[in-house]
PDB file of N, CA and C in Angstrom:
ATOM      1  N   UNK A   1       0.681  -1.168  -0.158  1.00  0.00           N
ATOM      2  CA  UNK A   1       0.217  -0.328   0.069  1.00  0.00           C
ATOM      3  C   UNK A   1       0.896   1.091  -0.318  1.00  0.00           C
ATOM      4  N   UNK A   2       1.674   1.004   0.979  1.00  0.00           N
ATOM      5  CA  UNK A   2       2.589   2.230   1.049  1.00  0.00           C
ATOM      6  C   UNK A   2       3.609   2.813  -0.397  1.00  0.00           C
ATOM      7  N   UNK A   3       3.658   1.403  -1.295  1.00  0.00           N
ATOM      8  CA  UNK A   3       4.613   1.623  -2.345  1.00  0.00           C
ATOM      9  C   UNK A   3       3.656   2.255  -3.541  1.00  0.00           C
ATOM     10  N   UNK A   4       2.729   1.776  -3.311  1.00  0.00           N
ATOM     11  CA  UNK A   4       1.437   2.407  -4.378  1.00  0.00           C
ATOM     12  C   UNK A   4       1.327   4.146  -4.266  1.00  0.00           C
ATOM     13  N   UNK A   5       1.177   4.612  -2.727  1.00  0.00           N
ATOM     14  CA  UNK A   5       0.798   6.097  -2.301  1.00  0.00           C
ATOM     15  C   UNK A   5       2.263   6.489  -2.705  1.00  0.00           C
ATOM     16  N   UNK A   6       3.407   5.796  -2.739  1.00  0.00           N
ATOM     17  CA  UNK A   6       4.815   6.638  -3.090  1.00  0.00           C
ATOM     18  C   UNK A   6       4.644   6.812  -4.759  1.00  0.00           C
ATOM     19  N   UNK A   7       4.407   5.638  -5.861  1.00  0.00           N
ATOM     20  CA  UNK A   7       4.257   5.844  -6.685  1.00  0.00           C
ATOM     21  C   UNK A   7       3.623   6.619  -7.448  1.00  0.00           C
ATOM     22  N   UNK A   8       2.278   6.962  -6.924  1.00  0.00           N
ATOM     23  CA  UNK A   8       0.727   8.156  -7.077  1.00  0.00           C
ATOM     24  C   UNK A   8       1.685   9.479  -6.610  1.00  0.00           C
ATOM     25  N   UNK A   9       2.787   9.455  -5.813  1.00  0.00           N
ATOM     26  CA  UNK A   9       3.143  11.020  -5.570  1.00  0.00           C
ATOM     27  C   UNK A   9       4.468  11.163  -6.668  1.00  0.00           C
ATOM     28  N   UNK A  10       4.961  10.204  -6.623  1.00  0.00           N
ATOM     29  CA  UNK A  10       5.725  10.559  -7.737  1.00  0.00           C
ATOM     30  C   UNK A  10       4.924  10.741  -9.414  1.00  0.00           C
ATOM     31  N   UNK A  11       3.953  10.461  -9.690  1.00  0.00           N
ATOM     32  CA  UNK A  11       3.067  10.481 -10.908  1.00  0.00           C
ATOM     33  C   UNK A  11       2.807  11.759 -11.063  1.00  0.00           C
ATOM     34  N   UNK A  12       2.506  11.993  -9.584  1.00  0.00           N
ATOM     35  CA  UNK A  12       1.807  13.628  -9.604  1.00  0.00           C
ATOM     36  C   UNK A  12       2.963  14.933  -9.722  1.00  0.00           C
ATOM     37  N   UNK A  13       4.238  14.224  -9.326  1.00  0.00           N
ATOM     38  CA  UNK A  13       4.681  15.177  -9.315  1.00  0.00           C
ATOM     39  C   UNK A  13       5.769  15.401 -11.054  1.00  0.00           C
ATOM     40  N   UNK A  14       5.761  14.272 -11.530  1.00  0.00           N
ATOM     41  CA  UNK A  14       6.101  14.088 -13.172  1.00  0.00           C
ATOM     42  C   UNK A  14       5.258  15.096 -14.156  1.00  0.00           C
ATOM     43  N   UNK A  15       3.512  14.674 -13.602  1.00  0.00           N
ATOM     44  CA  UNK A  15       2.531  14.848 -14.052  1.00  0.00           C
ATOM     45  C   UNK A  15       2.418  16.693 -13.889  1.00  0.00           C
ATOM     46  N   UNK A  16       2.434  17.250 -12.989  1.00  0.00           N
ATOM     47  CA  UNK A  16       2.537  18.469 -12.556  1.00  0.00           C
ATOM     48  C   UNK A  16       4.177  19.213 -13.118  1.00  0.00           C
ATOM     49  N   UNK A  17       5.309  18.556 -13.284  1.00  0.00           N
ATOM     50  CA  UNK A  17       6.492  18.936 -13.824  1.00  0.00           C
ATOM     51  C   UNK A  17       6.521  19.421 -15.369  1.00  0.00           C
ATOM     52  N   UNK A  18       5.061  19.028 -15.954  1.00  0.00           N
ATOM     53  CA  UNK A  18       5.003  19.140 -17.427  1.00  0.00           C
ATOM     54  C   UNK A  18       4.565  20.766 -17.142  1.00  0.00           C
ATOM     55  N   UNK A  19       3.539  21.328 -16.184  1.00  0.00           N
ATOM     56  CA  UNK A  19       3.275  22.511 -16.699  1.00  0.00           C
ATOM     57  C   UNK A  19       4.378  23.636 -15.541  1.00  0.00           C
ATOM     58  N   UNK A  20       4.622  23.265 -14.551  1.00  0.00           N
ATOM     59  CA  UNK A  20       5.562  23.867 -13.100  1.00  0.00           C
ATOM     60  C   UNK A  20       6.952  23.464 -13.399  1.00  0.00           C
ATOM     61  N   UNK A  21       7.394  23.859 -13.113  1.00  0.00           N
ATOM     62  CA  UNK A  21       8.931  23.435 -12.632  1.00  0.00           C
ATOM     63  C   UNK A  21       8.787  22.482 -11.437  1.00  0.00           C
ATOM     64  N   UNK A  22      10.149  21.596 -10.733  1.00  0.00           N
ATOM     65  CA  UNK A  22       9.899  20.520 -10.371  1.00  0.00           C
ATOM     66  C   UNK A  22       9.470  21.013  -8.786  1.00  0.00           C
ATOM     67  N   UNK A  23      10.162  21.966  -8.276  1.00  0.00           N
ATOM     68  CA  UNK A  23       9.845  22.492  -6.822  1.00  0.00           C
ATOM     69  C   UNK A  23       8.776  22.769  -6.234  1.00  0.00           C
ATOM     70  N   UNK A  24       8.198  23.437  -7.497  1.00  0.00           N
ATOM     71  CA  UNK A  24       6.587  23.890  -6.931  1.00  0.00           C
ATOM     72  C   UNK A  24       5.406  22.842  -7.037  1.00  0.00           C
ATOM     73  N   UNK A  25       6.084  21.914  -8.223  1.00  0.00           N
ATOM     74  CA  UNK A  25       5.095  20.739  -8.094  1.00  0.00           C
ATOM     75  C   UNK A  25       5.016  19.931  -7.072  1.00  0.00           C
ATOM     76  N   UNK A  26       6.455  19.800  -6.566  1.00  0.00           N
ATOM     77  CA  UNK A  26       6.358  18.880  -5.267  1.00  0.00           C
ATOM     78  C   UNK A  26       5.675  19.761  -4.305  1.00  0.00           C
ATOM     79  N   UNK A  27       5.804  21.017  -4.211  1.00  0.00           N
ATOM     80  CA  UNK A  27       4.869  21.612  -3.369  1.00  0.00           C
ATOM     81  C   UNK A  27       3.542  21.281  -3.269  1.00  0.00           C
ATOM     82  N   UNK A  28       2.810  21.573  -4.124  1.00  0.00           N
ATOM     83  CA  UNK A  28       1.609  21.162  -4.691  1.00  0.00           C
ATOM     84  C   UNK A  28       0.606  20.018  -4.101  1.00  0.00           C
ATOM     85  N   UNK A  29       1.835  18.649  -4.687  1.00  0.00           N
ATOM     86  CA  UNK A  29       1.521  17.870  -4.064  1.00  0.00           C
ATOM     87  C   UNK A  29       1.901  17.600  -2.340  1.00  0.00           C
ATOM     88  N   UNK A  30       2.689  18.260  -1.832  1.00  0.00           N
ATOM     89  CA  UNK A  30       2.836  18.196  -0.440  1.00  0.00           C
ATOM     90  C   UNK A  30       1.820  18.704  -0.010  1.00  0.00           C
ATOM     91  N   UNK A  31       1.241  19.915  -0.364  1.00  0.00           N
ATOM     92  CA  UNK A  31       0.025  20.858   0.093  1.00  0.00           C
ATOM     93  C   UNK A  31      -1.097  19.652  -0.093  1.00  0.00           C
ATOM     94  N   UNK A  32      -1.770  19.054  -1.000  1.00  0.00           N
ATOM     95  CA  UNK A  32      -2.491  18.354  -1.374  1.00  0.00           C
ATOM     96  C   UNK A  32      -2.620  17.043  -0.401  1.00  0.00           C
ATOM     97  N   UNK A  33      -1.581  16.671  -0.194  1.00  0.00           N
ATOM     98  CA  UNK A  33      -1.108  15.595   0.501  1.00  0.00           C
ATOM     99  C   UNK A  33      -1.581  15.842   2.555  1.00  0.00           C
ATOM    100  N   UNK A  34      -1.045  16.795   2.347  1.00  0.00           N
ATOM    101  CA  UNK A  34      -1.529  17.547   4.066  1.00  0.00           C
ATOM    102  C   UNK A  34      -2.608  17.828   4.213  1.00  0.00           C
ATOM    103  N   UNK A  35      -3.235  18.921   3.200  1.00  0.00           N
ATOM    104  CA  UNK A  35      -4.358  18.915   2.970  1.00  0.00           C
ATOM    105  C   UNK A  35      -6.001  17.829   3.358  1.00  0.00           C
ATOM    106  N   UNK A  36      -5.684  16.706   2.930  1.00  0.00           N
ATOM    107  CA  UNK A  36      -6.402  15.628   3.132  1.00  0.00           C
ATOM    108  C   UNK A  36      -5.766  14.669   4.235  1.00  0.00           C
ATOM    109  N   UNK A  37      -4.463  14.687   4.474  1.00  0.00           N
ATOM    110  CA  UNK A  37      -4.827  14.481   6.352  1.00  0.00           C
ATOM    111  C   UNK A  37      -5.068  15.351   7.058  1.00  0.00           C
ATOM    112  N   UNK A  38      -5.343  16.126   6.990  1.00  0.00           N
ATOM    113  CA  UNK A  38      -6.028  17.193   8.430  1.00  0.00           C
ATOM    114  C   UNK A  38      -8.103  16.893   7.976  1.00  0.00           C
ATOM    115  N   UNK A  39      -8.279  16.827   6.864  1.00  0.00           N
ATOM    116  CA  UNK A  39      -9.411  16.359   6.616  1.00  0.00           C
ATOM    117  C   UNK A  39      -9.860  15.065   7.330  1.00  0.00           C
ATOM    118  N   UNK A  40      -9.067  14.178   6.878  1.00  0.00           N
ATOM    119  CA  UNK A  40      -9.354  12.809   7.286  1.00  0.00           C
ATOM    120  C   UNK A  40      -9.381  12.875   8.883  1.00  0.00           C
ATOM    121  N   UNK A  41      -8.251  13.512   9.510  1.00  0.00           N
ATOM    122  CA  UNK A  41      -7.965  13.411  10.988  1.00  0.00           C
ATOM    123  C   UNK A  41      -9.266  14.322  11.496  1.00  0.00           C
ATOM    124  N   UNK A  42      -9.876  15.347  10.626  1.00  0.00           N
ATOM    125  CA  UNK A  42     -11.038  16.273  11.497  1.00  0.00           C
ATOM    126  C   UNK A  42     -11.949  15.505  11.817  1.00  0.00           C
ATOM    127  N   UNK A  43     -12.387  14.307  10.093  1.00  0.00           N
ATOM    128  CA  UNK A  43     -13.768  13.808  10.101  1.00  0.00           C
ATOM    129  C   UNK A  43     -13.601  12.903  11.164  1.00  0.00           C
ATOM    130  N   UNK A  44     -12.256  12.115  11.583  1.00  0.00           N
ATOM    131  CA  UNK A  44     -12.141  11.391  11.951  1.00  0.00           C
ATOM    132  C   UNK A  44     -12.260  11.718  13.726  1.00  0.00           C
ATOM    133  N   UNK A  45     -11.923  12.871  14.127  1.00  0.00           N
ATOM    134  CA  UNK A  45     -12.250  13.214  15.690  1.00  0.00           C
ATOM    135  C   UNK A  45     -13.684  13.541  15.425  1.00  0.00           C
ATOM    136  N   UNK A  46     -14.622  14.316  14.631  1.00  0.00           N
ATOM    137  CA  UNK A  46     -15.642  14.336  14.579  1.00  0.00           C
ATOM    138  C   UNK A  46     -17.044  12.911  15.040  1.00  0.00           C
ATOM    139  N   UNK A  47     -16.003  12.184  14.137  1.00  0.00           N
ATOM    140  CA  UNK A  47     -17.129  10.629  13.871  1.00  0.00           C
ATOM    141  C   UNK A  47     -16.745  10.154  15.422  1.00  0.00           C
ATOM    142  N   UNK A  48     -15.733  10.161  16.544  1.00  0.00           N
ATOM    143  CA  UNK A  48     -15.048   9.879  17.608  1.00  0.00           C
ATOM    144  C   UNK A  48     -16.179  10.549  18.346  1.00  0.00           C
ATOM    145  N   UNK A  49     -16.139  11.635  18.765  1.00  0.00           N
ATOM    146  CA  UNK A  49     -16.470  12.545  19.532  1.00  0.00           C
ATOM    147  C   UNK A  49     -18.582  12.314  19.417  1.00  0.00           C
ATOM    148  N   UNK A  50     -18.998  12.217  18.196  1.00  0.00           N
ATOM    149  CA  UNK A  50     -20.165  11.357  18.272  1.00  0.00           C
ATOM    150  C   UNK A  50     -20.365  10.162  18.610  1.00  0.00           C
ATOM    151  N   UNK A  51     -19.177   9.329  18.400  1.00  0.00           N
ATOM    152  CA  UNK A  51     -19.497   7.898  19.357  1.00  0.00           C
ATOM    153  C   UNK A  51     -19.824   8.081  20.467  1.00  0.00           C
ATOM    154  N   UNK A  52     -18.984   8.909  21.298  1.00  0.00           N
ATOM    155  CA  UNK A  52     -18.463   8.767  22.642  1.00  0.00           C
ATOM    156  C   UNK A  52     -20.302   9.645  23.095  1.00  0.00           C
ATOM    157  N   UNK A  53     -20.468  10.519  22.253  1.00  0.00           N
ATOM    158  CA  UNK A  53     -21.567  11.031  22.534  1.00  0.00           C
ATOM    159  C   UNK A  53     -22.929  10.359  22.621  1.00  0.00           C
ATOM    160  N   UNK A  54     -22.892   9.626  21.945  1.00  0.00           N
ATOM    161  CA  UNK A  54     -23.981   8.494  21.811  1.00  0.00           C
ATOM    162  C   UNK A  54     -23.900   7.262  22.518  1.00  0.00           C
ATOM    163  N   UNK A  55     -22.612   7.193  23.441  1.00  0.00           N
ATOM    164  CA  UNK A  55     -22.554   6.081  24.340  1.00  0.00           C
ATOM    165  C   UNK A  55     -23.178   6.592  25.655  1.00  0.00           C
ATOM    166  N   UNK A  56     -22.918   7.875  26.331  1.00  0.00           N
ATOM    167  CA  UNK A  56     -23.486   8.283  27.114  1.00  0.00           C
ATOM    168  C   UNK A  56     -24.662   8.369  27.469  1.00  0.00           C
TER     169      UNK A  56
END
């Protein structure tokens, strides 16, 4: 699973490299990954707080 993610990031950087220089393409991919992890974490915390509220 981790190798598939690594390949996806590499592909994304190379695809964005067609329109942007390499460093900004890496920055865009890093920001997308960071945003995805923040949203996933927020949804997880929201779900956890709802489950704790329901169990009371």
